[in-house]
Amino acid sequence: MTIWKVASVPEQPELVLKRWRAYEVEDLRFLVGWNATDGEGRVSTYVASFDPALRRVETGSGRVYKLSGPPGHDNDADYTWTRWKRMHGVSDVRDVTDEVWSAILAASDKNAGKN
């Protein structure tokens, strides 16, 4: 497998991420998952904002990721994440997927109570 340059934010301002995970490197969070829009593993730039009710993440680059379905694992995404960590000299990583998923579920429960 290879790593390639992704479309620019103006060319692709938004995409859908499935089988996703969230990781923290130092004080920054990143998304890793299956880019359902293009059919590839993807690592985001750092998370700038997160709306759990909308399952919407905006990254430092300005791209918007819509989190589809529950978290999961994807072999292509895992490969891309491993390569990304190696390219950036990252070894200390914390998996924060459960925190992100809990926030989504809590927002969903809160919204369900409004109906």
C-alpha atoms as a PDB file:
ATOM      1  CA  MET A   1       0.000   0.000   0.000  1.00  0.00           C
ATOM      2  CA  THR A   2       1.026   3.562  -0.586  1.00  0.00           C
ATOM      3  CA  ILE A   3       0.193   6.947   0.897  1.00  0.00           C
ATOM      4  CA  TRP A   4      -0.867   9.698  -1.475  1.00  0.00           C
ATOM      5  CA  LYS A   5      -1.747  13.344  -1.299  1.00  0.00           C
ATOM      6  CA  VAL A   6      -5.425  14.014  -0.646  1.00  0.00           C
ATOM      7  CA  ALA A   7      -7.655  16.554  -2.370  1.00  0.00           C
ATOM      8  CA  SER A   8      -7.385  20.111  -1.092  1.00  0.00           C
ATOM      9  CA  VAL A   9     -10.044  21.433   1.289  1.00  0.00           C
ATOM     10  CA  PRO A  10     -11.622  23.649  -1.416  1.00  0.00           C
ATOM     11  CA  GLU A  11     -11.814  20.591  -3.695  1.00  0.00           C
ATOM     12  CA  GLN A  12     -13.247  18.392  -0.928  1.00  0.00           C
ATOM     13  CA  PRO A  13     -14.541  20.464   1.981  1.00  0.00           C
ATOM     14  CA  GLU A  14     -16.479  17.582   3.547  1.00  0.00           C
ATOM     15  CA  LEU A  15     -16.372  13.803   3.682  1.00  0.00           C
ATOM     16  CA  VAL A  16     -17.961  10.890   5.508  1.00  0.00           C
ATOM     17  CA  LEU A  17     -15.811   8.818   7.854  1.00  0.00           C
ATOM     18  CA  LYS A  18     -16.860   5.267   8.766  1.00  0.00           C
ATOM     19  CA  ARG A  19     -15.171   2.700  11.005  1.00  0.00           C
ATOM     20  CA  TRP A  20     -13.537   5.645  12.721  1.00  0.00           C
ATOM     21  CA  ARG A  21     -11.361   6.116  15.800  1.00  0.00           C
ATOM     22  CA  ALA A  22     -10.055   9.168  17.636  1.00  0.00           C
ATOM     23  CA  TYR A  23      -6.534   9.502  19.003  1.00  0.00           C
ATOM     24  CA  GLU A  24      -4.770  12.124  21.069  1.00  0.00           C
ATOM     25  CA  VAL A  25      -1.174  13.073  20.365  1.00  0.00           C
ATOM     26  CA  GLU A  26       0.147  15.496  22.963  1.00  0.00           C
ATOM     27  CA  ASP A  27      -2.847  17.854  23.337  1.00  0.00           C
ATOM     28  CA  LEU A  28      -4.231  17.420  19.820  1.00  0.00           C
ATOM     29  CA  ARG A  29      -6.844  14.946  18.630  1.00  0.00           C
ATOM     30  CA  PHE A  30      -6.949  13.267  15.237  1.00  0.00           C
ATOM     31  CA  LEU A  31      -9.515  11.139  13.433  1.00  0.00           C
ATOM     32  CA  VAL A  32      -8.594   7.885  11.737  1.00  0.00           C
ATOM     33  CA  GLY A  33     -11.060   5.904   9.667  1.00  0.00           C
ATOM     34  CA  TRP A  34     -12.483   4.780   6.364  1.00  0.00           C
ATOM     35  CA  ASN A  35     -13.172   7.702   4.042  1.00  0.00           C
ATOM     36  CA  ALA A  36     -16.459   6.480   2.567  1.00  0.00           C
ATOM     37  CA  THR A  37     -16.488   9.384   0.117  1.00  0.00           C
ATOM     38  CA  ASP A  38     -13.301   8.248  -1.669  1.00  0.00           C
ATOM     39  CA  GLY A  39     -12.911   4.640  -0.488  1.00  0.00           C
ATOM     40  CA  GLU A  40      -9.621   4.979   1.376  1.00  0.00           C
ATOM     41  CA  GLY A  41      -8.070   5.013   4.824  1.00  0.00           C
ATOM     42  CA  ARG A  42      -7.729   8.546   6.173  1.00  0.00           C
ATOM     43  CA  VAL A  43      -5.996  10.436   8.968  1.00  0.00           C
ATOM     44  CA  SER A  44      -7.333  13.929   9.572  1.00  0.00           C
ATOM     45  CA  THR A  45      -5.417  17.007  10.530  1.00  0.00           C
ATOM     46  CA  TYR A  46      -5.968  17.961  14.180  1.00  0.00           C
ATOM     47  CA  VAL A  47      -9.536  18.376  15.437  1.00  0.00           C
ATOM     48  CA  ALA A  48     -10.413  22.057  15.810  1.00  0.00           C
ATOM     49  CA  SER A  49     -14.075  21.631  16.785  1.00  0.00           C
ATOM     50  CA  PHE A  50     -16.486  18.798  17.488  1.00  0.00           C
ATOM     51  CA  ASP A  51     -20.292  18.842  17.554  1.00  0.00           C
ATOM     52  CA  PRO A  52     -21.400  15.512  19.035  1.00  0.00           C
ATOM     53  CA  ALA A  53     -25.090  16.150  18.320  1.00  0.00           C
ATOM     54  CA  LEU A  54     -24.381  16.536  14.600  1.00  0.00           C
ATOM     55  CA  ARG A  55     -21.494  14.028  14.631  1.00  0.00           C
ATOM     56  CA  ARG A  56     -19.529  16.747  12.869  1.00  0.00           C
ATOM     57  CA  VAL A  57     -15.815  17.436  13.235  1.00  0.00           C
ATOM     58  CA  GLU A  58     -13.967  20.362  11.727  1.00  0.00           C
ATOM     59  CA  THR A  59     -10.214  20.009  11.519  1.00  0.00           C
ATOM     60  CA  GLY A  60      -7.413  22.527  11.554  1.00  0.00           C
ATOM     61  CA  SER A  61      -7.351  22.454   7.764  1.00  0.00           C
ATOM     62  CA  GLY A  62     -11.025  23.462   7.661  1.00  0.00           C
ATOM     63  CA  ARG A  63     -12.246  20.126   6.322  1.00  0.00           C
ATOM     64  CA  VAL A  64     -15.445  18.748   7.842  1.00  0.00           C
ATOM     65  CA  TYR A  65     -15.743  15.085   8.746  1.00  0.00           C
ATOM     66  CA  LYS A  66     -19.166  13.533   9.312  1.00  0.00           C
ATOM     67  CA  LEU A  67     -18.833  10.503  11.601  1.00  0.00           C
ATOM     68  CA  SER A  68     -21.043   7.716  10.288  1.00  0.00           C
ATOM     69  CA  GLY A  69     -21.993   4.760  12.442  1.00  0.00           C
ATOM     70  CA  PRO A  70     -20.221   3.603  15.561  1.00  0.00           C
ATOM     71  CA  PRO A  71     -16.452   3.607  15.960  1.00  0.00           C
ATOM     72  CA  GLY A  72     -14.593   0.655  14.518  1.00  0.00           C
ATOM     73  CA  HIS A  73     -11.406  -0.561  12.925  1.00  0.00           C
ATOM     74  CA  ASP A  74     -10.432  -0.515   9.294  1.00  0.00           C
ATOM     75  CA  ASN A  75      -7.262  -2.169   8.038  1.00  0.00           C
ATOM     76  CA  ASP A  76      -6.546   0.539   5.450  1.00  0.00           C
ATOM     77  CA  ALA A  77      -7.093   3.292   8.027  1.00  0.00           C
ATOM     78  CA  ASP A  78      -4.882   1.470  10.560  1.00  0.00           C
ATOM     79  CA  TYR A  79      -2.142   1.202   7.935  1.00  0.00           C
ATOM     80  CA  THR A  80      -2.453   4.906   7.123  1.00  0.00           C
ATOM     81  CA  TRP A  81      -2.342   5.801  10.832  1.00  0.00           C
ATOM     82  CA  THR A  82       0.776   3.684  11.361  1.00  0.00           C
ATOM     83  CA  ARG A  83       2.494   5.394   8.427  1.00  0.00           C
ATOM     84  CA  TRP A  84       1.359   8.844   9.656  1.00  0.00           C
ATOM     85  CA  LYS A  85       2.816   8.199  13.119  1.00  0.00           C
ATOM     86  CA  ARG A  86       6.106   7.041  11.611  1.00  0.00           C
ATOM     87  CA  MET A  87       6.295  10.065   9.272  1.00  0.00           C
ATOM     88  CA  HIS A  88       5.676  12.439  12.208  1.00  0.00           C
ATOM     89  CA  GLY A  89       7.881  10.627  14.739  1.00  0.00           C
ATOM     90  CA  VAL A  90       4.913   9.932  17.010  1.00  0.00           C
ATOM     91  CA  SER A  91       4.986   7.095  19.527  1.00  0.00           C
ATOM     92  CA  ASP A  92       3.006   8.405  22.508  1.00  0.00           C
ATOM     93  CA  VAL A  93      -0.664   8.113  21.539  1.00  0.00           C
ATOM     94  CA  ARG A  94      -3.826   7.881  23.602  1.00  0.00           C
ATOM     95  CA  ASP A  95      -6.976   6.293  22.173  1.00  0.00           C
ATOM     96  CA  VAL A  96      -9.869   8.669  23.005  1.00  0.00           C
ATOM     97  CA  THR A  97     -12.473   6.949  20.843  1.00  0.00           C
ATOM     98  CA  ASP A  98     -14.608   5.941  23.832  1.00  0.00           C
ATOM     99  CA  GLU A  99     -14.723   9.568  25.022  1.00  0.00           C
ATOM    100  CA  VAL A 100     -15.857  10.790  21.614  1.00  0.00           C
ATOM    101  CA  TRP A 101     -18.432   8.002  21.261  1.00  0.00           C
ATOM    102  CA  SER A 102     -19.784   8.687  24.772  1.00  0.00           C
ATOM    103  CA  ALA A 103     -20.242  12.366  23.852  1.00  0.00           C
ATOM    104  CA  ILE A 104     -22.135  11.369  20.697  1.00  0.00           C
ATOM    105  CA  LEU A 105     -24.392   8.974  22.634  1.00  0.00           C
ATOM    106  CA  ALA A 106     -25.041  11.554  25.349  1.00  0.00           C
ATOM    107  CA  ALA A 107     -25.980  14.177  22.750  1.00  0.00           C
ATOM    108  CA  SER A 108     -28.225  11.642  21.017  1.00  0.00           C
ATOM    109  CA  ASP A 109     -29.972  10.782  24.304  1.00  0.00           C
ATOM    110  CA  LYS A 110     -30.385  14.479  25.090  1.00  0.00           C
ATOM    111  CA  ASN A 111     -31.929  15.136  21.670  1.00  0.00           C
ATOM    112  CA  ALA A 112     -34.209  12.098  21.969  1.00  0.00           C
ATOM    113  CA  GLY A 113     -35.625  13.555  25.186  1.00  0.00           C
ATOM    114  CA  LYS A 114     -36.689  16.727  23.332  1.00  0.00           C
ATOM    115  CA  ASN A 115     -39.184  14.846  21.140  1.00  0.00           C
END
